[in-house]
Amino acid sequence: MATPISNSNLSPVYQQLIQQTLRAESQPRERLKGRRQQEKNTKSLVSDLDGKLSSLQSQLSTLTDEITNPFEGRSASAEEGTEAFSVSADKSARTGTHSVAVDRLASEDGRVSQTYSAGGSELSTFFADNGPQTFEIGVATPTDSNPKARTQISVTVNSNGSDNEAVLKDVQTAIDGAFQTAVDDGTISSDARPNVSVVNPTSDTARLSVRSSQTGYRGRLGFSDSGSTLLSTLQVSADQLANDTQGGELTEVGTDEISSKLTSQFTLDGLTLTRNSNEVDNALDGVTINLDEATGTEASFEVSADEEGAKSAVKEFIGRFNEVNSFLQEKTRVNPDSTERGALADDSTFRRLQFRLRTDATQPVDGQPQGLNSLRDVGIEASRDGTLELKDEEALFTALEENQEGVRQLFAGPDGVATRLERRVERFADTGGLLDAREDSIESTIDRLDGRIEQFNERLERRQQQLRERYAQVEKTIRSLASQQQALSARLF
């Protein structure tokens, strides 16, 4: 609407008359604005409902999805006080009780050279006599297709160190450099690189230490000596256990997984097993055993239905269902005493949705055994207003223990509660669904109302200008008559 004419030359009386006239004639426009605000409020409510339904839909898909379905979950727990191992389980694990005793943990392969006098000259003489030395170190580089894969890395050492410790450090630098190059060019991954160092058992002695970065027999180091047998001279590759003076293996490598002391060793249900790692996921289907301490003491663990995981998923479903139900109940309510009506009370689509969601949640599930064909059978009660509540957790836990598949079918079967609700919600909440169509329709109505309001504004602007011109003419006429009257009076008197 045009701005008031307060700056006009019209008298205040005429200005007031114009404003009163425009106010009276703008009532239809105000009614259009009221309708537009109602439509905007409705659109906001529909958007809120869309969000709540989408949240419920997300939880329903968790209940019905074959991968995430919580009613197939398993939990595993060791008996109280167990320190030797811990366990976990997925849905493929069978329920039951097992025993474990950990006798040995898997370790990395460590090799050391013989002990040298740090200031001695044996190794300096070796390089002076034999020149540069090239050898290979093999490390484990497992892949999914070949878990036993290994890679040989060539190392060249050309030392001019003046004493044994300096030469050992040159060997260390050469090994580190060769493996860093292999990592940089993608030949091996960084976690396959061995750890190399020069250690000083005493202030005047030195040894070369090479340790694998992976455990077990598969993670062992391998050596291919140089032409002048540098590695044999150092005794790093010696097939013997190292001691304070001689080089060799820190842990007996052996010839296979069974004979190697690098592997873990444990007893599972009376059977002795070895593995290359302390994380064992292939001894029992669906069960992962983490070996933590070699105590040799037997302890038990139990695999059972994941009751807590199922309860958590059920409570999340109930919470999101109740949000939708409460929202619809409030917005579609009609108070018979005060005749107060919710914002969506006149929309039969939303009243039907509330009723059908309640029905989907509470009616018996076809194909289920008696005593496990409704939410009530697993402890979930529905109040008169449709609100759900897990009132008997023990009933849910008992059902999971006695018939876990039956509980899954109660929710996720072809006619399961979650399946029915998911189908219902999809019609409304999916992209292009009923709520999207309703929002589009409301937006179109708002656009039409905006157009009519703009037309009304233009009409009122024209009307205002018309009134200003008319009253200006009236004022002009009155001034002219007054002037004539003054002239006549002057002639007569």
Protein backbone atom coordinates (compact mmCIF):
# COMPACT_ATOMS: atom_id res chain seq x y z
CA MET A 1 0.00 0.00 0.00
CA ALA A 2 1.16 3.58 -0.66
CA THR A 3 2.61 5.59 2.20
CA PRO A 4 0.22 7.84 4.18
CA ILE A 5 -0.23 11.37 2.84
CA SER A 6 0.94 13.14 5.98
CA ASN A 7 3.12 15.44 3.84
CA SER A 8 0.18 16.44 1.66
CA ASN A 9 -1.27 19.97 1.60
CA LEU A 10 -4.65 18.48 2.44
CA SER A 11 -6.12 19.46 5.74
CA PRO A 12 -5.90 16.95 8.59
CA VAL A 13 -9.65 16.33 8.32
CA TYR A 14 -9.34 15.12 4.73
CA GLN A 15 -6.23 13.11 5.49
CA GLN A 16 -8.13 11.30 8.24
CA LEU A 17 -11.07 10.68 5.92
CA ILE A 18 -8.71 9.13 3.33
CA GLN A 19 -7.09 6.86 5.90
CA GLN A 20 -10.48 5.70 7.20
CA THR A 21 -11.67 4.98 3.69
CA LEU A 22 -8.52 3.03 2.79
CA ARG A 23 -8.67 1.10 6.05
CA ALA A 24 -12.22 0.04 5.34
CA GLU A 25 -11.53 -0.87 1.72
CA SER A 26 -8.34 -2.89 2.65
CA GLN A 27 -10.21 -5.44 4.77
CA PRO A 28 -10.31 -8.01 1.95
CA ARG A 29 -6.54 -7.66 1.60
CA GLU A 30 -6.05 -8.25 5.33
CA ARG A 31 -8.13 -11.39 5.04
CA LEU A 32 -5.85 -12.54 2.21
CA LYS A 33 -2.81 -11.87 4.41
CA GLY A 34 -4.40 -13.91 7.17
CA ARG A 35 -4.95 -16.80 4.78
CA ARG A 36 -1.35 -16.52 3.56
CA GLN A 37 -0.05 -16.71 7.15
CA GLN A 38 -2.24 -19.73 7.81
CA GLU A 39 -0.81 -21.43 4.73
CA LYS A 40 2.72 -20.63 5.87
CA ASN A 41 1.98 -22.02 9.32
CA THR A 42 0.57 -25.17 7.75
CA LYS A 43 3.61 -25.55 5.54
CA SER A 44 5.85 -25.24 8.61
CA LEU A 45 3.83 -27.94 10.38
CA VAL A 46 4.03 -30.24 7.35
CA SER A 47 7.78 -29.68 7.22
CA ASP A 48 8.08 -30.52 10.93
CA LEU A 49 6.05 -33.69 10.40
CA ASP A 50 8.23 -34.60 7.43
CA GLY A 51 11.33 -34.37 9.64
CA LYS A 52 9.80 -36.51 12.38
CA LEU A 53 8.62 -39.12 9.90
CA SER A 54 12.06 -39.21 8.28
CA SER A 55 13.63 -39.77 11.69
CA LEU A 56 11.21 -42.62 12.36
CA GLN A 57 11.86 -43.99 8.87
CA SER A 58 15.60 -44.09 9.54
CA GLN A 59 15.11 -46.15 12.71
CA LEU A 60 12.62 -48.46 10.98
CA SER A 61 15.19 -49.19 8.26
CA THR A 62 17.66 -50.13 11.00
CA LEU A 63 15.15 -52.66 12.32
CA THR A 64 14.35 -54.13 8.90
CA ASP A 65 17.79 -54.09 7.25
CA GLU A 66 19.37 -57.54 7.12
CA ILE A 67 22.80 -56.18 8.00
CA THR A 68 21.93 -53.78 10.81
CA ASN A 69 18.98 -55.70 12.28
CA PRO A 70 19.61 -55.58 16.05
CA PHE A 71 17.57 -58.67 16.82
CA GLU A 72 20.23 -60.88 15.25
CA GLY A 73 23.03 -59.34 17.26
CA ARG A 74 25.33 -61.29 19.56
CA SER A 75 27.31 -60.24 22.59
CA ALA A 76 30.25 -62.06 24.12
CA SER A 77 31.67 -61.65 27.60
CA ALA A 78 34.41 -63.39 29.55
CA GLU A 79 33.86 -64.50 33.09
CA GLU A 80 34.51 -61.89 35.76
CA GLY A 81 38.15 -61.33 36.60
CA THR A 82 39.51 -62.61 33.28
CA GLU A 83 42.68 -60.75 32.26
CA ALA A 84 44.18 -63.15 29.71
CA PHE A 85 41.76 -62.33 26.89
CA SER A 86 38.68 -60.37 25.83
CA VAL A 87 36.01 -61.35 23.32
CA SER A 88 33.44 -59.86 20.97
CA ALA A 89 30.91 -61.42 18.60
CA ASP A 90 28.83 -60.56 15.55
CA LYS A 91 25.48 -61.92 14.43
CA SER A 92 27.01 -64.97 12.72
CA ALA A 93 28.24 -66.35 16.06
CA ARG A 94 26.43 -69.26 17.67
CA THR A 95 25.29 -68.86 21.23
CA GLY A 96 27.08 -70.99 23.81
CA THR A 97 29.87 -71.16 26.37
CA HIS A 98 33.56 -71.74 25.61
CA SER A 99 36.84 -71.92 27.51
CA VAL A 100 40.21 -70.36 26.68
CA ALA A 101 43.69 -70.57 28.19
CA VAL A 102 46.42 -68.31 26.77
CA ASP A 103 49.86 -69.95 26.84
CA ARG A 104 51.85 -67.59 24.59
CA LEU A 105 51.35 -64.26 22.90
CA ALA A 106 52.40 -63.60 19.31
CA SER A 107 55.50 -61.42 19.02
CA GLU A 108 57.61 -59.66 16.40
CA ASP A 109 60.70 -61.32 14.96
CA GLY A 110 63.78 -59.69 16.47
CA ARG A 111 67.36 -60.26 15.23
CA VAL A 112 70.62 -58.89 16.66
CA SER A 113 74.22 -58.98 15.60
CA GLN A 114 76.96 -60.38 17.75
CA THR A 115 78.31 -57.99 20.37
CA TYR A 116 81.15 -55.81 19.14
CA SER A 117 83.61 -53.59 20.91
CA ALA A 118 82.31 -50.19 19.89
CA GLY A 119 85.78 -48.84 19.19
CA GLY A 120 87.10 -52.01 17.52
CA SER A 121 88.10 -52.22 13.87
CA GLU A 122 86.93 -55.69 12.69
CA LEU A 123 84.08 -54.32 10.60
CA SER A 124 86.15 -51.46 9.20
CA THR A 125 88.67 -54.04 8.03
CA PHE A 126 85.86 -56.16 6.49
CA PHE A 127 84.71 -53.29 4.28
CA ALA A 128 88.26 -52.25 3.46
CA ASP A 129 88.94 -55.81 2.25
CA ASN A 130 85.58 -56.54 0.56
CA GLY A 131 84.14 -53.20 -0.54
CA PRO A 132 80.39 -52.40 -0.81
CA GLN A 133 77.94 -55.15 0.20
CA THR A 134 74.47 -55.82 -1.19
CA PHE A 135 72.00 -58.11 0.57
CA GLU A 136 68.23 -58.58 0.78
CA ILE A 137 65.76 -58.50 3.66
CA GLY A 138 62.38 -60.12 3.18
CA VAL A 139 59.28 -58.83 4.98
CA ALA A 140 55.63 -59.86 5.09
CA THR A 141 53.38 -57.94 2.69
CA PRO A 142 50.05 -59.77 3.01
CA THR A 143 47.07 -59.02 0.79
CA ASP A 144 43.48 -60.18 0.90
CA SER A 145 44.13 -62.54 -1.96
CA ASN A 146 47.52 -63.71 -0.68
CA PRO A 147 47.95 -63.42 3.11
CA LYS A 148 51.34 -65.18 2.88
CA ALA A 149 52.87 -62.72 0.38
CA ARG A 150 56.42 -61.51 1.03
CA THR A 151 58.66 -58.89 -0.58
CA GLN A 152 62.46 -58.79 -0.80
CA ILE A 153 64.10 -55.38 -0.41
CA SER A 154 67.67 -54.93 -1.67
CA VAL A 155 70.09 -53.06 0.61
CA THR A 156 73.56 -51.80 -0.38
CA VAL A 157 76.08 -50.73 2.27
CA ASN A 158 79.31 -48.93 1.46
CA SER A 159 80.86 -48.06 4.80
CA ASN A 160 84.10 -46.24 5.50
CA GLY A 161 83.43 -46.08 9.24
CA SER A 162 86.52 -45.93 11.39
CA ASP A 163 85.25 -48.28 14.11
CA ASN A 164 82.65 -51.02 14.64
CA GLU A 165 79.91 -48.74 15.97
CA ALA A 166 80.30 -46.37 13.02
CA VAL A 167 80.04 -49.28 10.57
CA LEU A 168 76.94 -50.66 12.33
CA LYS A 169 75.34 -47.22 12.06
CA ASP A 170 76.14 -47.16 8.34
CA VAL A 171 74.38 -50.54 8.01
CA GLN A 172 71.40 -49.16 9.92
CA THR A 173 71.24 -46.09 7.68
CA ALA A 174 71.42 -48.22 4.53
CA ILE A 175 68.58 -50.50 5.67
CA ASP A 176 66.41 -47.56 6.71
CA GLY A 177 67.05 -45.79 3.41
CA ALA A 178 66.24 -48.84 1.28
CA PHE A 179 62.97 -49.45 3.07
CA GLN A 180 61.98 -45.80 2.99
CA THR A 181 62.47 -45.83 -0.77
CA ALA A 182 60.31 -48.96 -1.00
CA VAL A 183 57.57 -47.24 0.99
CA ASP A 184 57.80 -44.08 -1.10
CA ASP A 185 57.52 -45.90 -4.41
CA GLY A 186 54.65 -48.11 -3.18
CA THR A 187 56.58 -51.38 -3.18
CA ILE A 188 55.59 -51.97 0.45
CA SER A 189 53.32 -50.24 2.94
CA SER A 190 54.77 -48.34 5.87
CA ASP A 191 53.53 -50.93 8.36
CA ALA A 192 55.73 -53.58 6.71
CA ARG A 193 58.91 -51.62 7.35
CA PRO A 194 61.19 -53.15 10.04
CA ASN A 195 62.62 -51.19 12.93
CA VAL A 196 66.43 -50.94 12.81
CA SER A 197 68.71 -49.51 15.47
CA VAL A 198 72.18 -49.72 16.97
CA VAL A 199 72.06 -50.53 20.68
CA ASN A 200 74.78 -50.26 23.28
CA PRO A 201 74.55 -53.04 25.88
CA THR A 202 77.37 -51.32 27.74
CA SER A 203 79.11 -48.01 27.28
CA ASP A 204 81.82 -49.59 25.11
CA THR A 205 79.88 -52.28 23.16
CA ALA A 206 77.48 -52.09 20.22
CA ARG A 207 75.01 -54.38 18.40
CA LEU A 208 72.78 -54.02 15.36
CA SER A 209 69.07 -54.73 16.07
CA VAL A 210 66.49 -55.49 13.37
CA ARG A 211 62.89 -56.08 14.44
CA SER A 212 59.91 -56.88 12.22
CA SER A 213 56.82 -54.72 12.49
CA GLN A 214 54.42 -57.67 12.25
CA THR A 215 53.86 -60.56 14.60
CA GLY A 216 53.91 -64.29 14.10
CA TYR A 217 55.70 -66.65 11.76
CA ARG A 218 54.21 -64.85 8.76
CA GLY A 219 55.68 -61.59 10.02
CA ARG A 220 59.20 -63.04 10.29
CA LEU A 221 62.24 -61.45 8.68
CA GLY A 222 64.08 -63.20 5.85
CA PHE A 223 67.68 -62.68 4.75
CA SER A 224 69.66 -63.23 1.57
CA ASP A 225 73.33 -62.58 2.28
CA SER A 226 75.80 -60.50 0.32
CA GLY A 227 78.58 -62.07 -1.74
CA SER A 228 81.08 -61.60 1.07
CA THR A 229 78.55 -62.81 3.68
CA LEU A 230 78.20 -59.57 5.65
CA LEU A 231 75.04 -60.79 7.42
CA SER A 232 76.67 -64.05 8.44
CA THR A 233 79.67 -62.11 9.69
CA LEU A 234 77.40 -59.93 11.78
CA GLN A 235 75.45 -63.09 12.81
CA VAL A 236 72.18 -61.18 12.19
CA SER A 237 70.88 -64.01 10.01
CA ALA A 238 72.25 -66.82 12.19
CA ASP A 239 69.88 -69.73 12.85
CA GLN A 240 70.46 -69.65 16.58
CA LEU A 241 69.16 -67.92 19.66
CA ALA A 242 71.10 -64.81 20.53
CA ASN A 243 72.71 -64.33 23.92
CA ASP A 244 74.90 -61.68 25.50
CA THR A 245 77.66 -62.19 22.96
CA GLN A 246 76.44 -64.14 19.93
CA GLY A 247 73.96 -62.84 17.43
CA GLY A 248 70.84 -64.47 16.00
CA GLU A 249 67.15 -64.75 16.88
CA LEU A 250 65.68 -63.14 19.98
CA THR A 251 62.75 -65.54 19.71
CA GLU A 252 62.92 -68.96 18.05
CA VAL A 253 61.58 -68.44 14.54
CA GLY A 254 61.13 -72.12 13.66
CA THR A 255 60.23 -73.53 10.28
CA ASP A 256 56.46 -73.13 10.30
CA GLU A 257 53.61 -71.66 12.34
CA ILE A 258 53.46 -74.61 14.70
CA SER A 259 57.16 -74.79 15.54
CA SER A 260 57.66 -71.01 15.70
CA LYS A 261 57.65 -69.28 19.07
CA LEU A 262 56.64 -66.05 17.31
CA THR A 263 53.05 -67.26 17.08
CA SER A 264 50.45 -67.06 19.78
CA GLN A 265 49.41 -70.32 21.39
CA PHE A 266 46.18 -70.88 23.24
CA THR A 267 43.74 -73.62 24.14
CA LEU A 268 40.15 -73.27 22.99
CA ASP A 269 37.66 -75.81 24.33
CA GLY A 270 40.52 -78.26 24.92
CA LEU A 271 42.18 -77.84 21.50
CA THR A 272 45.64 -76.23 21.20
CA LEU A 273 45.73 -73.55 18.49
CA THR A 274 48.42 -71.21 17.11
CA ARG A 275 47.97 -67.94 15.26
CA ASN A 276 50.21 -65.25 13.79
CA SER A 277 48.39 -62.52 15.67
CA ASN A 278 46.98 -61.87 19.11
CA GLU A 279 43.66 -60.95 17.52
CA VAL A 280 41.99 -64.22 16.57
CA ASP A 281 38.88 -63.95 14.40
CA ASN A 282 38.91 -67.33 12.69
CA ALA A 283 38.77 -69.85 15.53
CA LEU A 284 35.00 -69.62 16.07
CA ASP A 285 32.55 -68.28 13.49
CA GLY A 286 31.61 -64.70 14.31
CA VAL A 287 33.79 -64.52 17.44
CA THR A 288 36.94 -62.40 17.88
CA ILE A 289 39.27 -63.32 20.73
CA ASN A 290 41.89 -60.77 21.73
CA LEU A 291 44.79 -62.42 23.55
CA ASP A 292 46.10 -60.02 26.19
CA GLU A 293 48.25 -61.96 28.67
CA ALA A 294 49.84 -65.41 28.69
CA THR A 295 48.64 -66.65 32.07
CA GLY A 296 48.04 -70.28 31.13
CA THR A 297 44.90 -70.16 33.28
CA GLU A 298 41.66 -71.37 31.76
CA ALA A 299 38.67 -69.01 31.78
CA SER A 300 35.28 -69.20 30.12
CA PHE A 301 33.29 -66.84 27.95
CA GLU A 302 29.71 -66.85 26.78
CA VAL A 303 28.15 -65.86 23.46
CA SER A 304 24.52 -64.82 23.83
CA ALA A 305 21.85 -62.73 22.18
CA ASP A 306 22.69 -59.02 22.33
CA GLU A 307 19.83 -58.11 24.63
CA GLU A 308 21.08 -54.62 25.42
CA GLY A 309 21.58 -53.77 21.76
CA ALA A 310 18.06 -54.97 20.95
CA LYS A 311 16.58 -53.05 23.89
CA SER A 312 18.37 -49.88 22.81
CA ALA A 313 17.04 -50.22 19.24
CA VAL A 314 13.49 -50.89 20.50
CA LYS A 315 13.58 -47.86 22.81
CA GLU A 316 14.86 -45.68 19.98
CA PHE A 317 12.01 -46.90 17.76
CA ILE A 318 9.46 -46.23 20.51
CA GLY A 319 10.81 -42.73 21.09
CA ARG A 320 10.64 -41.75 17.43
CA PHE A 321 7.21 -43.33 16.96
CA ASN A 322 5.88 -41.43 19.96
CA GLU A 323 7.24 -38.13 18.59
CA VAL A 324 5.21 -38.61 15.41
CA ASN A 325 2.13 -39.82 17.29
CA SER A 326 2.19 -36.93 19.79
CA PHE A 327 2.69 -34.38 17.03
CA LEU A 328 -0.26 -35.71 15.01
CA GLN A 329 -2.42 -36.00 18.11
CA GLU A 330 -1.80 -32.38 19.08
CA LYS A 331 -2.21 -30.92 15.60
CA THR A 332 -5.38 -32.88 14.67
CA ARG A 333 -7.12 -32.66 18.07
CA VAL A 334 -10.63 -31.20 18.41
CA ASN A 335 -11.71 -30.22 21.93
CA PRO A 336 -15.46 -30.97 22.16
CA ASP A 337 -15.91 -28.66 25.14
CA SER A 338 -14.05 -25.56 23.96
CA THR A 339 -14.33 -26.36 20.23
CA GLU A 340 -10.63 -25.57 20.06
CA ARG A 341 -9.13 -27.21 16.98
CA GLY A 342 -5.57 -28.20 16.12
CA ALA A 343 -3.91 -26.62 13.11
CA LEU A 344 -4.39 -29.80 11.04
CA ALA A 345 -7.76 -30.83 12.49
CA ASP A 346 -9.57 -30.15 9.22
CA ASP A 347 -7.17 -32.27 7.17
CA SER A 348 -8.41 -35.84 6.95
CA THR A 349 -5.09 -37.03 5.47
CA PHE A 350 -3.25 -36.45 8.72
CA ARG A 351 -6.06 -37.81 10.90
CA ARG A 352 -6.01 -41.02 8.86
CA LEU A 353 -2.20 -41.18 9.08
CA GLN A 354 -2.30 -41.07 12.88
CA PHE A 355 -4.93 -43.81 13.01
CA ARG A 356 -3.12 -46.07 10.56
CA LEU A 357 0.26 -45.68 12.27
CA ARG A 358 -1.35 -46.80 15.54
CA THR A 359 -3.01 -49.72 13.77
CA ASP A 360 0.23 -50.77 12.08
CA ALA A 361 2.02 -50.76 15.43
CA THR A 362 -0.56 -52.64 17.49
CA GLN A 363 -2.38 -55.14 15.29
CA PRO A 364 -1.19 -58.81 15.32
CA VAL A 365 1.49 -59.86 12.84
CA ASP A 366 0.48 -62.54 10.35
CA GLY A 367 2.53 -65.71 10.27
CA GLN A 368 3.88 -65.38 13.81
CA PRO A 369 3.45 -68.04 16.51
CA GLN A 370 0.89 -67.43 19.23
CA GLY A 371 2.51 -65.53 22.07
CA LEU A 372 4.92 -63.74 19.75
CA ASN A 373 2.65 -62.00 17.25
CA SER A 374 2.26 -58.53 18.77
CA LEU A 375 4.35 -55.89 20.51
CA ARG A 376 2.56 -56.69 23.75
CA ASP A 377 4.17 -60.14 23.68
CA VAL A 378 7.62 -58.54 23.99
CA GLY A 379 6.61 -56.14 26.74
CA ILE A 380 5.57 -53.11 24.65
CA GLU A 381 2.23 -51.61 25.66
CA ALA A 382 0.14 -49.01 23.79
CA SER A 383 -1.88 -46.43 25.73
CA ARG A 384 -5.27 -45.09 24.63
CA ASP A 385 -3.67 -42.14 22.86
CA GLY A 386 -1.35 -44.44 20.87
CA THR A 387 1.81 -43.84 22.91
CA LEU A 388 4.10 -46.91 23.08
CA GLU A 389 6.13 -47.90 26.14
CA LEU A 390 8.50 -50.78 26.91
CA LYS A 391 6.93 -51.76 30.22
CA ASP A 392 8.39 -55.25 30.57
CA GLU A 393 12.06 -55.50 29.57
CA GLU A 394 12.22 -59.04 30.92
CA ALA A 395 9.59 -60.15 28.40
CA LEU A 396 11.76 -58.78 25.58
CA PHE A 397 14.90 -60.48 26.94
CA THR A 398 13.09 -63.79 27.39
CA ALA A 399 11.75 -63.67 23.84
CA LEU A 400 15.25 -62.97 22.49
CA GLU A 401 16.72 -65.89 24.44
CA GLU A 402 14.00 -68.37 23.48
CA ASN A 403 13.22 -67.32 19.89
CA GLN A 404 15.54 -64.64 18.53
CA GLU A 405 14.43 -65.27 14.94
CA GLY A 406 10.80 -64.96 16.02
CA VAL A 407 11.49 -61.53 17.53
CA ARG A 408 13.23 -60.46 14.32
CA GLN A 409 10.23 -61.59 12.27
CA LEU A 410 7.85 -59.77 14.64
CA PHE A 411 9.53 -56.52 13.62
CA ALA A 412 11.15 -57.19 10.25
CA GLY A 413 9.14 -60.05 8.69
CA PRO A 414 6.93 -59.52 5.60
CA ASP A 415 4.07 -58.35 7.83
CA GLY A 416 6.30 -57.24 10.73
CA VAL A 417 5.54 -54.12 12.74
CA ALA A 418 8.56 -52.21 11.45
CA THR A 419 7.93 -53.42 7.89
CA ARG A 420 4.33 -52.20 7.94
CA LEU A 421 5.26 -48.86 9.44
CA GLU A 422 8.13 -48.43 6.98
CA ARG A 423 5.80 -48.95 4.02
CA ARG A 424 3.33 -46.49 5.50
CA VAL A 425 5.91 -43.82 6.24
CA GLU A 426 7.56 -44.16 2.82
CA ARG A 427 4.36 -42.98 1.11
CA PHE A 428 4.55 -39.75 3.07
CA ALA A 429 8.24 -39.06 3.76
CA ASP A 430 10.04 -40.25 0.61
CA THR A 431 11.12 -37.70 -1.98
CA GLY A 432 8.08 -37.01 -4.15
CA GLY A 433 5.78 -38.49 -1.48
CA LEU A 434 2.54 -37.11 -0.08
CA LEU A 435 4.24 -34.57 2.17
CA ASP A 436 6.33 -33.20 -0.67
CA ALA A 437 3.18 -32.93 -2.77
CA ARG A 438 1.36 -31.19 0.09
CA GLU A 439 4.20 -28.68 0.58
CA ASP A 440 4.25 -27.98 -3.16
CA SER A 441 0.49 -27.41 -3.14
CA ILE A 442 0.74 -25.05 -0.16
CA GLU A 443 3.57 -23.14 -1.82
CA SER A 444 1.45 -22.72 -4.95
CA THR A 445 -1.42 -21.40 -2.83
CA ILE A 446 0.94 -18.94 -1.12
CA ASP A 447 2.19 -17.75 -4.51
CA ARG A 448 -1.39 -17.15 -5.68
CA LEU A 449 -2.23 -15.26 -2.49
CA ASP A 450 0.92 -13.14 -2.88
CA GLY A 451 -0.23 -12.25 -6.38
CA ARG A 452 -3.71 -11.24 -5.19
CA ILE A 453 -2.27 -9.21 -2.31
CA GLU A 454 0.04 -7.38 -4.70
CA GLN A 455 -2.93 -6.60 -6.98
CA PHE A 456 -4.85 -5.28 -3.99
CA ASN A 457 -1.88 -3.11 -3.00
CA GLU A 458 -1.82 -1.57 -6.45
CA ARG A 459 -5.58 -0.99 -6.33
CA LEU A 460 -5.32 0.72 -2.96
CA GLU A 461 -2.50 2.93 -4.23
CA ARG A 462 -4.72 4.04 -7.10
CA ARG A 463 -7.64 4.55 -4.74
CA GLN A 464 -5.48 6.65 -2.41
CA GLN A 465 -4.38 8.88 -5.29
CA GLN A 466 -7.98 9.20 -6.46
CA LEU A 467 -9.14 10.29 -3.01
CA ARG A 468 -6.30 12.79 -2.65
CA GLU A 469 -7.19 14.37 -5.98
CA ARG A 470 -10.90 14.46 -5.12
CA TYR A 471 -10.43 16.08 -1.74
CA ALA A 472 -7.86 18.46 -3.18
CA GLN A 473 -10.51 19.56 -5.68
CA VAL A 474 -13.05 19.94 -2.87
CA GLU A 475 -10.62 22.12 -0.94
CA LYS A 476 -9.94 24.18 -4.06
CA THR A 477 -13.66 24.69 -4.62
CA ILE A 478 -14.21 25.69 -1.01
CA ARG A 479 -11.36 28.20 -1.17
CA SER A 480 -12.77 29.63 -4.40
CA LEU A 481 -16.25 30.05 -2.87
CA ALA A 482 -14.78 31.67 0.20
CA SER A 483 -12.87 34.11 -2.00
CA GLN A 484 -16.04 35.00 -3.94
CA GLN A 485 -17.98 35.50 -0.73
CA GLN A 486 -15.32 37.92 0.54
CA ALA A 487 -15.46 39.88 -2.73
CA LEU A 488 -19.27 40.19 -2.59
CA SER A 489 -19.18 41.28 1.02
CA ALA A 490 -16.65 44.00 0.18
CA ARG A 491 -18.92 45.41 -2.57
CA LEU A 492 -22.09 45.34 -0.45
CA PHE A 493 -20.62 46.77 2.69
